[in-house]
Each structure stands twice: as structure tokens, then as C-alpha cells.
């Protein structure tokens, strides 16, 4: 019973931490409400461009992937949300499994390659993030880098690498490991991770630790490095990025999702917003902006490794099992 209670706690909703961000606030009954679990700055860019293009007002509420997913399930048909945007796909799968999404308009789905959307068409990919091994260039040369993410389970890596295991990002990566290698291999890797890795609170903290020579590497998403480089580079000057490629679990390309709530009283406007985000206007913000996330229409920021060259494993974004991931990570003592 204790383990069940602990899992329930891990999936609990932090309602008190959810607030309204600035943006363009719609009056009651006017415009749409977006539950945004994507980065606030990217959500703001999408919303401002959408309102400028259409005149439709938007209120953005900022929170986390699983926080909002569980909140939407609790709110059900009474939810004030019209649209849900995430950083990773497991939260979309959770909400979809509860039957809360309306089918995405066919014209919107037509803009998105099949690899970035579930077969049922109830939600769609809106952006992508590549898993990488951020490493200390002063300590590791290319010949000493792990060939696979699975190599980090080797006792030789004890105390030398880090991650942010409590975050939705890393849990999506573990979800990809589970989907590609199975439960037994995932459980074994997590057991070794418990012994070998250093836990950090957030990917930004993890890359800072690599830069400060605290650990030799960290499993994170690519854009944290690019984002810091585009600013001062002070937290990544000693850091290089290693792409595992070869369909390795560590080459996982996570899909950020977007969906329209079935309970929305503004279906037309909500669908229009999702069409904008996945269309040229929304994808150009990814291509030309400073989020450094991947545009899912194939037109990536020129500074990024092209998606085809990532050699990511084929993973059905709608099949990532977040509950099993939390269960396995809890059993390994990581959560």
C-alpha cells in the first residue's frame, strides 16, 4: 500500500502552483484558454503571433506536463481549458486515455508528418527535442564518450554523469528506453543509474554542473546548450554535445504535443490555434526564434543537427507509458 500511496503522491496535482501568465488576457467567455506546459517564452511567442494574425484573444495558464494532465483529468468536462500544449508526449497520452480530446481537424493533421502524431488523430506534435549527452570538453575526448546511453550503466561511469530524473523530460527519455528495450532492460539500467548518476533539479542545473566540472556529462535535451550559447555561453563554455545516433535510446527525439479539449466551448477558435502552431507561422517561430526546439515540418533552425541526421529510434509518441516509467523509477529508488 505504501508504494501505491507514493505513486499517487507523485501524480498529484500542484494546483496551488498554477498561475496565469501575462500575455493577452481574454475576458470571461471571450477568446480561448491555453494550458501551456511548454516553455513560457515559446508559448508567449506563439500566442502573440496567433492573436496578431487572427484577432482571437488568448489567456495562457502556465504549468508542467503532468501537473496539467492530472488537473485536466480532475476537471473533466468542467475544465476552462480549450487547448493543452506540452513539452513531452506522455502527458498528451494520459489526457487522451481519459477521452478528453476532440479530434484534431484534418487540415491541421495534414501539416504534420505521421511520425509526429498519433494514429488516432486526437492530438498532434508541435515541436521536437533531441536527447544528447552534454559532456565536459576538458575531461572527455570523443574516443572516451559513451557509444550508447546504455553504457552509462557501466560501473566505470559511477559518479561521473548526471541527469534530472524528477523532470518530465528525463522521464520521457526513460519512456523511450522502455519502448525500445523492454521492462527488464529498463529496470536494470535504472538500477545502475541509481548507483552511477548524480541527480540534479532541472536540465539547466545539470548542464551548469558539467560546465563547472562537477560531473563529466549529463543526459539532457539539446536546446539547453544552444539556448545558453545564444546568450552569454557562460554556463556551457566547457560543454560539448554528443549525439548517440544509431537508433540508440539515447538518440530519442521527444515530441511536444498539442490538443483541443472536447469540453471546449470555443472549438473553432481552439482548432484554429492548433492549426497556426503546426503551420508555417508557428513553425517559423521555432525555425527563426531562440527556443532552439525542432520544427516538426522539417524546416529546422540552421544551427541544429537536421532531424534525419539524428538517427533517432522509431518510437510511437502515443505509446510512452508514463505510469510504468514512474513505477520503475520509484522501484529503483530514483524517485
Protein backbone atom coordinates (compact mmCIF):
# COMPACT_ATOMS: atom_id res chain seq x y z
CA UNK A 1 0.00 0.00 0.00
CA UNK A 2 2.90 2.35 0.69
CA UNK A 3 4.14 2.07 -2.90
CA UNK A 4 0.65 2.78 -4.23
CA UNK A 5 0.39 5.80 -1.96
CA UNK A 6 3.77 7.05 -3.11
CA UNK A 7 2.84 6.70 -6.75
CA UNK A 8 -0.37 8.59 -6.09
CA UNK A 9 1.61 11.36 -4.47
CA UNK A 10 3.96 11.56 -7.44
CA UNK A 11 0.99 12.03 -9.74
CA UNK A 12 -0.75 14.54 -7.51
CA UNK A 13 -1.77 17.93 -8.83
CA UNK A 14 0.07 21.03 -7.67
CA UNK A 15 -2.93 23.31 -8.14
CA UNK A 16 -1.53 25.99 -5.90
CA UNK A 17 1.46 26.44 -8.18
CA UNK A 18 -0.59 27.15 -11.28
CA UNK A 19 -0.99 30.81 -12.15
CA UNK A 20 -1.95 32.95 -15.09
CA UNK A 21 0.85 34.35 -17.21
CA UNK A 22 0.71 37.83 -18.73
CA UNK A 23 0.10 37.51 -22.49
CA UNK A 24 -3.19 38.77 -23.92
CA UNK A 25 -5.92 38.02 -21.43
CA UNK A 26 -9.32 37.18 -22.78
CA UNK A 27 -12.37 38.35 -20.90
CA UNK A 28 -14.73 35.72 -19.49
CA UNK A 29 -16.38 33.89 -22.36
CA UNK A 30 -14.15 35.62 -24.90
CA UNK A 31 -11.26 34.02 -26.79
CA UNK A 32 -9.59 30.79 -25.68
CA UNK A 33 -7.67 29.48 -22.67
CA UNK A 34 -4.44 27.59 -23.27
CA UNK A 35 -2.94 25.33 -20.61
CA UNK A 36 0.71 25.74 -21.57
CA UNK A 37 3.29 23.26 -20.27
CA UNK A 38 5.75 24.27 -22.97
CA UNK A 39 8.35 26.90 -22.10
CA UNK A 40 6.56 30.10 -21.19
CA UNK A 41 8.58 32.22 -23.62
CA UNK A 42 7.75 29.94 -26.56
CA UNK A 43 4.08 29.81 -25.58
CA UNK A 44 4.05 33.59 -25.42
CA UNK A 45 5.57 33.90 -28.90
CA UNK A 46 3.01 31.52 -30.41
CA UNK A 47 0.10 33.25 -28.70
CA UNK A 48 1.11 36.78 -29.57
CA UNK A 49 1.68 35.85 -33.23
CA UNK A 50 -1.64 34.00 -33.36
CA UNK A 51 -3.59 36.90 -31.87
CA UNK A 52 -1.88 39.33 -34.24
CA UNK A 53 -2.77 37.14 -37.23
CA UNK A 54 -6.36 36.31 -36.26
CA UNK A 55 -7.54 38.83 -33.68
CA UNK A 56 -8.51 35.94 -31.39
CA UNK A 57 -7.58 36.65 -27.80
CA UNK A 58 -5.85 34.04 -25.67
CA UNK A 59 -5.29 33.56 -21.97
CA UNK A 60 -2.26 31.38 -21.18
CA UNK A 61 -2.05 29.45 -17.99
CA UNK A 62 1.46 28.16 -17.25
CA UNK A 63 2.31 24.85 -15.60
CA UNK A 64 4.00 21.47 -16.01
CA UNK A 65 3.24 18.49 -18.24
CA UNK A 66 1.92 16.06 -15.65
CA UNK A 67 0.58 18.80 -13.40
CA UNK A 68 -1.78 19.94 -16.14
CA UNK A 69 -2.52 16.42 -17.40
CA UNK A 70 -3.76 15.36 -13.98
CA UNK A 71 -5.58 18.65 -13.49
CA UNK A 72 -7.43 18.21 -16.79
CA UNK A 73 -8.47 14.70 -15.79
CA UNK A 74 -9.74 16.00 -12.46
CA UNK A 75 -11.58 18.92 -14.09
CA UNK A 76 -13.12 16.75 -16.80
CA UNK A 77 -15.92 18.42 -18.74
CA UNK A 78 -15.81 21.40 -16.38
CA UNK A 79 -12.29 22.42 -17.42
CA UNK A 80 -11.90 26.04 -18.53
CA UNK A 81 -9.10 24.98 -20.90
CA UNK A 82 -9.61 24.99 -24.66
CA UNK A 83 -6.12 23.87 -25.69
CA UNK A 84 -3.36 21.87 -23.98
CA UNK A 85 0.30 22.21 -25.04
CA UNK A 86 3.10 20.05 -23.60
CA UNK A 87 6.86 19.66 -23.64
CA UNK A 88 6.67 15.85 -23.95
CA UNK A 89 4.11 13.37 -25.26
CA UNK A 90 3.35 11.19 -22.17
CA UNK A 91 1.11 13.91 -20.72
CA UNK A 92 -0.85 14.01 -24.00
CA UNK A 93 -1.28 10.24 -23.88
CA UNK A 94 -2.60 10.45 -20.32
CA UNK A 95 -5.25 13.04 -21.25
CA UNK A 96 -6.13 11.21 -24.46
CA UNK A 97 -6.55 7.98 -22.50
CA UNK A 98 -9.17 9.75 -20.38
CA UNK A 99 -11.12 10.57 -23.54
CA UNK A 100 -10.79 14.33 -23.10
CA UNK A 101 -9.51 15.39 -26.53
CA UNK A 102 -11.58 16.33 -29.57
CA UNK A 103 -10.27 15.01 -32.91
CA UNK A 104 -7.76 17.40 -34.49
CA UNK A 105 -9.01 18.96 -37.74
CA UNK A 106 -7.88 17.08 -40.84
CA UNK A 107 -6.31 20.23 -42.32
CA UNK A 108 -4.08 20.54 -39.25
CA UNK A 109 -3.06 16.89 -39.29
CA UNK A 110 -2.15 17.23 -42.94
CA UNK A 111 0.54 19.76 -41.96
CA UNK A 112 2.25 17.31 -39.60
CA UNK A 113 4.37 14.32 -40.70
CA UNK A 114 2.95 10.99 -39.49
CA UNK A 115 5.95 10.32 -37.25
CA UNK A 116 4.98 13.31 -35.10
CA UNK A 117 1.33 12.47 -34.40
CA UNK A 118 -0.68 9.52 -33.06
CA UNK A 119 -2.66 7.38 -35.46
CA UNK A 120 -5.99 8.26 -33.79
CA UNK A 121 -5.61 11.96 -34.66
CA UNK A 122 -6.71 13.17 -31.23
CA UNK A 123 -3.62 15.32 -30.71
CA UNK A 124 -0.58 16.33 -32.73
CA UNK A 125 3.10 17.06 -32.41
CA UNK A 126 4.04 20.73 -32.32
CA UNK A 127 7.82 20.65 -31.72
CA UNK A 128 10.68 18.22 -31.08
CA UNK A 129 13.63 17.85 -28.69
CA UNK A 130 16.65 15.61 -29.14
CA UNK A 131 18.26 13.67 -26.32
CA UNK A 132 22.01 14.34 -26.05
CA UNK A 133 24.94 13.67 -23.76
CA UNK A 134 26.31 17.06 -22.71
CA UNK A 135 29.95 16.47 -21.79
CA UNK A 136 32.90 18.31 -20.26
CA UNK A 137 35.29 19.00 -23.14
CA UNK A 138 38.17 19.48 -20.69
CA UNK A 139 37.79 15.94 -19.37
CA UNK A 140 36.42 13.81 -22.19
CA UNK A 141 37.69 13.39 -25.74
CA UNK A 142 35.48 11.89 -28.44
CA UNK A 143 37.08 8.44 -28.11
CA UNK A 144 36.13 8.35 -24.42
CA UNK A 145 32.45 9.21 -24.88
CA UNK A 146 29.81 6.51 -24.32
CA UNK A 147 28.80 4.83 -27.57
CA UNK A 148 25.28 4.23 -26.21
CA UNK A 149 23.21 5.68 -23.39
CA UNK A 150 23.13 2.10 -22.06
CA UNK A 151 26.91 2.31 -21.49
CA UNK A 152 26.27 4.73 -18.62
CA UNK A 153 25.18 1.70 -16.58
CA UNK A 154 28.79 0.50 -16.52
CA UNK A 155 30.41 0.82 -13.06
CA UNK A 156 33.20 2.76 -14.77
CA UNK A 157 30.75 5.69 -15.03
CA UNK A 158 29.97 5.76 -11.29
CA UNK A 159 29.74 9.35 -10.08
CA UNK A 160 30.71 10.74 -13.48
CA UNK A 161 27.36 11.65 -15.04
CA UNK A 162 24.15 13.39 -14.08
CA UNK A 163 20.52 13.89 -15.04
CA UNK A 164 17.32 15.49 -13.79
CA UNK A 165 15.27 12.36 -13.03
CA UNK A 166 12.27 14.06 -11.44
CA UNK A 167 11.53 16.10 -14.57
CA UNK A 168 9.11 15.20 -17.36
CA UNK A 169 11.96 15.49 -19.89
CA UNK A 170 14.07 12.71 -18.43
CA UNK A 171 11.04 10.55 -17.71
CA UNK A 172 10.12 10.76 -21.40
CA UNK A 173 13.65 9.56 -22.23
CA UNK A 174 13.16 6.60 -19.87
CA UNK A 175 9.82 6.03 -21.61
CA UNK A 176 11.68 5.70 -24.90
CA UNK A 177 14.12 3.26 -23.30
CA UNK A 178 11.17 1.20 -22.07
CA UNK A 179 9.52 1.27 -25.50
CA UNK A 180 12.67 0.20 -27.36
CA UNK A 181 14.39 -2.19 -24.93
CA UNK A 182 11.60 -3.52 -22.71
CA UNK A 183 10.86 -3.54 -18.99
CA UNK A 184 13.65 -5.81 -17.79
CA UNK A 185 16.43 -3.90 -19.56
CA UNK A 186 14.96 -0.59 -18.39
CA UNK A 187 14.76 -1.74 -14.78
CA UNK A 188 18.38 -2.93 -14.90
CA UNK A 189 19.56 0.35 -16.41
CA UNK A 190 17.69 2.38 -13.81
CA UNK A 191 19.19 0.28 -11.01
CA UNK A 192 22.65 1.08 -12.37
CA UNK A 193 21.66 4.73 -12.82
CA UNK A 194 20.81 4.92 -9.12
CA UNK A 195 24.38 3.81 -8.33
CA UNK A 196 26.20 5.77 -11.04
CA UNK A 197 24.48 9.11 -11.56
CA UNK A 198 24.19 12.41 -9.75
CA UNK A 199 20.65 13.83 -9.55
CA UNK A 200 20.04 17.48 -10.35
CA UNK A 201 16.91 19.61 -10.18
CA UNK A 202 16.45 20.62 -13.78
CA UNK A 203 18.37 20.28 -17.04
CA UNK A 204 19.76 23.82 -16.69
CA UNK A 205 21.31 22.86 -13.36
CA UNK A 206 22.70 19.66 -14.88
CA UNK A 207 24.46 21.45 -17.75
CA UNK A 208 25.86 24.01 -15.31
CA UNK A 209 27.28 21.12 -13.28
CA UNK A 210 29.01 19.73 -16.37
CA UNK A 211 30.37 23.17 -17.21
CA UNK A 212 31.68 23.57 -13.65
CA UNK A 213 33.43 20.15 -13.85
CA UNK A 214 31.22 18.60 -11.13
CA UNK A 215 30.40 15.68 -13.44
CA UNK A 216 31.80 14.68 -16.81
CA UNK A 217 28.46 14.52 -18.59
CA UNK A 218 24.69 14.71 -18.34
CA UNK A 219 21.74 13.28 -20.26
CA UNK A 220 19.58 16.25 -21.26
CA UNK A 221 17.79 17.75 -24.27
CA UNK A 222 19.84 19.56 -26.90
CA UNK A 223 18.30 23.02 -26.69
CA UNK A 224 19.61 23.84 -23.22
CA UNK A 225 23.11 24.05 -24.69
CA UNK A 226 22.00 26.05 -27.75
CA UNK A 227 19.97 28.44 -25.61
CA UNK A 228 22.91 29.19 -23.33
CA UNK A 229 25.28 29.58 -26.27
CA UNK A 230 22.90 32.12 -27.84
CA UNK A 231 23.11 34.21 -24.66
CA UNK A 232 26.46 34.55 -22.89
CA UNK A 233 27.64 30.94 -23.09
CA UNK A 234 28.86 31.23 -19.51
CA UNK A 235 27.09 28.01 -18.43
CA UNK A 236 28.17 25.94 -21.44
CA UNK A 237 31.61 27.20 -22.50
CA UNK A 238 33.25 23.95 -21.37
CA UNK A 239 30.45 21.75 -22.72
CA UNK A 240 30.15 19.82 -25.96
CA UNK A 241 27.17 17.82 -27.25
CA UNK A 242 27.41 14.14 -28.09
CA UNK A 243 24.63 12.65 -30.25
CA UNK A 244 24.27 8.90 -29.75
CA UNK A 245 22.58 8.32 -33.14
CA UNK A 246 22.27 4.72 -34.48
CA UNK A 247 18.65 4.39 -33.25
CA UNK A 248 20.02 4.31 -29.71
CA UNK A 249 17.54 5.03 -26.87
CA UNK A 250 19.81 8.00 -26.13
CA UNK A 251 19.02 9.40 -29.58
CA UNK A 252 15.33 9.69 -28.68
CA UNK A 253 13.52 12.63 -30.30
CA UNK A 254 10.79 13.72 -27.90
CA UNK A 255 7.58 15.12 -29.38
CA UNK A 256 5.89 18.12 -27.76
CA UNK A 257 2.13 17.85 -28.19
CA UNK A 258 -0.95 19.97 -28.67
CA UNK A 259 -4.62 19.09 -28.45
CA UNK A 260 -8.09 20.64 -28.26
CA UNK A 261 -10.24 19.73 -25.29
CA UNK A 262 -13.56 18.05 -26.11
CA UNK A 263 -15.20 20.21 -23.44
CA UNK A 264 -14.10 23.48 -25.10
CA UNK A 265 -16.92 25.88 -25.87
CA UNK A 266 -14.70 27.53 -28.48
CA UNK A 267 -13.95 24.60 -30.77
CA UNK A 268 -13.47 26.66 -33.93
CA UNK A 269 -11.03 29.10 -32.34
CA UNK A 270 -9.17 26.34 -30.47
CA UNK A 271 -8.73 24.30 -33.65
CA UNK A 272 -7.57 27.44 -35.44
CA UNK A 273 -4.90 27.99 -32.79
CA UNK A 274 -3.58 24.45 -33.16
CA UNK A 275 -3.53 24.84 -36.92
CA UNK A 276 -1.50 28.03 -36.54
CA UNK A 277 1.07 26.45 -34.20
CA UNK A 278 1.65 23.49 -36.55
CA UNK A 279 1.51 25.66 -39.68
CA UNK A 280 4.10 27.92 -41.25
CA UNK A 281 3.53 30.79 -38.80
CA UNK A 282 4.04 28.70 -35.69
CA UNK A 283 6.85 26.59 -37.11
CA UNK A 284 8.75 29.66 -38.33
CA UNK A 285 8.88 30.80 -34.71
CA UNK A 286 10.75 27.58 -33.95
CA UNK A 287 12.98 27.87 -37.01
CA UNK A 288 13.91 31.52 -36.53
CA UNK A 289 13.50 32.01 -32.79
CA UNK A 290 15.61 31.30 -29.72
CA UNK A 291 13.81 28.26 -28.29
CA UNK A 292 16.07 26.02 -30.43
CA UNK A 293 13.46 23.28 -30.40
CA UNK A 294 12.90 21.37 -33.63
CA UNK A 295 10.18 22.45 -36.05
CA UNK A 296 8.20 19.32 -36.91
CA UNK A 297 7.62 20.42 -40.51
CA UNK A 298 11.25 19.52 -41.30
CA UNK A 299 12.42 23.12 -41.60
CA UNK A 300 14.70 23.26 -38.53
CA UNK A 301 16.80 26.09 -37.18
CA UNK A 302 20.02 26.18 -39.24
CA UNK A 303 22.16 25.80 -36.09
CA UNK A 304 20.64 22.41 -35.24
CA UNK A 305 21.62 18.96 -36.47
CA UNK A 306 18.96 18.06 -39.08
CA UNK A 307 16.35 15.62 -37.78
CA UNK A 308 17.28 12.97 -40.35
CA UNK A 309 20.89 13.05 -39.14
CA UNK A 310 19.89 12.41 -35.51
CA UNK A 311 19.16 8.78 -36.44
CA UNK A 312 16.55 8.65 -33.69
CA UNK A 313 14.88 5.37 -32.75
CA UNK A 314 11.37 4.80 -34.04
CA UNK A 315 9.15 5.40 -31.03
CA UNK A 316 5.38 5.83 -31.09
CA UNK A 317 4.94 9.01 -29.07
CA UNK A 318 1.42 7.98 -28.10
CA UNK A 319 2.64 4.72 -26.54
CA UNK A 320 5.10 6.10 -23.99
CA UNK A 321 3.94 4.68 -20.65
CA UNK A 322 4.44 7.42 -18.05
CA UNK A 323 2.86 5.43 -15.22
CA UNK A 324 5.12 2.43 -15.77
CA UNK A 325 8.13 4.76 -16.01
CA UNK A 326 7.33 6.31 -12.62
CA UNK A 327 6.75 2.84 -11.19
CA UNK A 328 10.15 1.60 -12.43
CA UNK A 329 12.00 4.74 -11.38
CA UNK A 330 10.40 4.56 -7.93
CA UNK A 331 11.32 0.88 -7.57
CA UNK A 332 14.92 1.77 -8.46
CA UNK A 333 14.96 4.42 -5.75
CA UNK A 334 15.46 7.28 -8.19
CA UNK A 335 12.14 8.99 -7.37
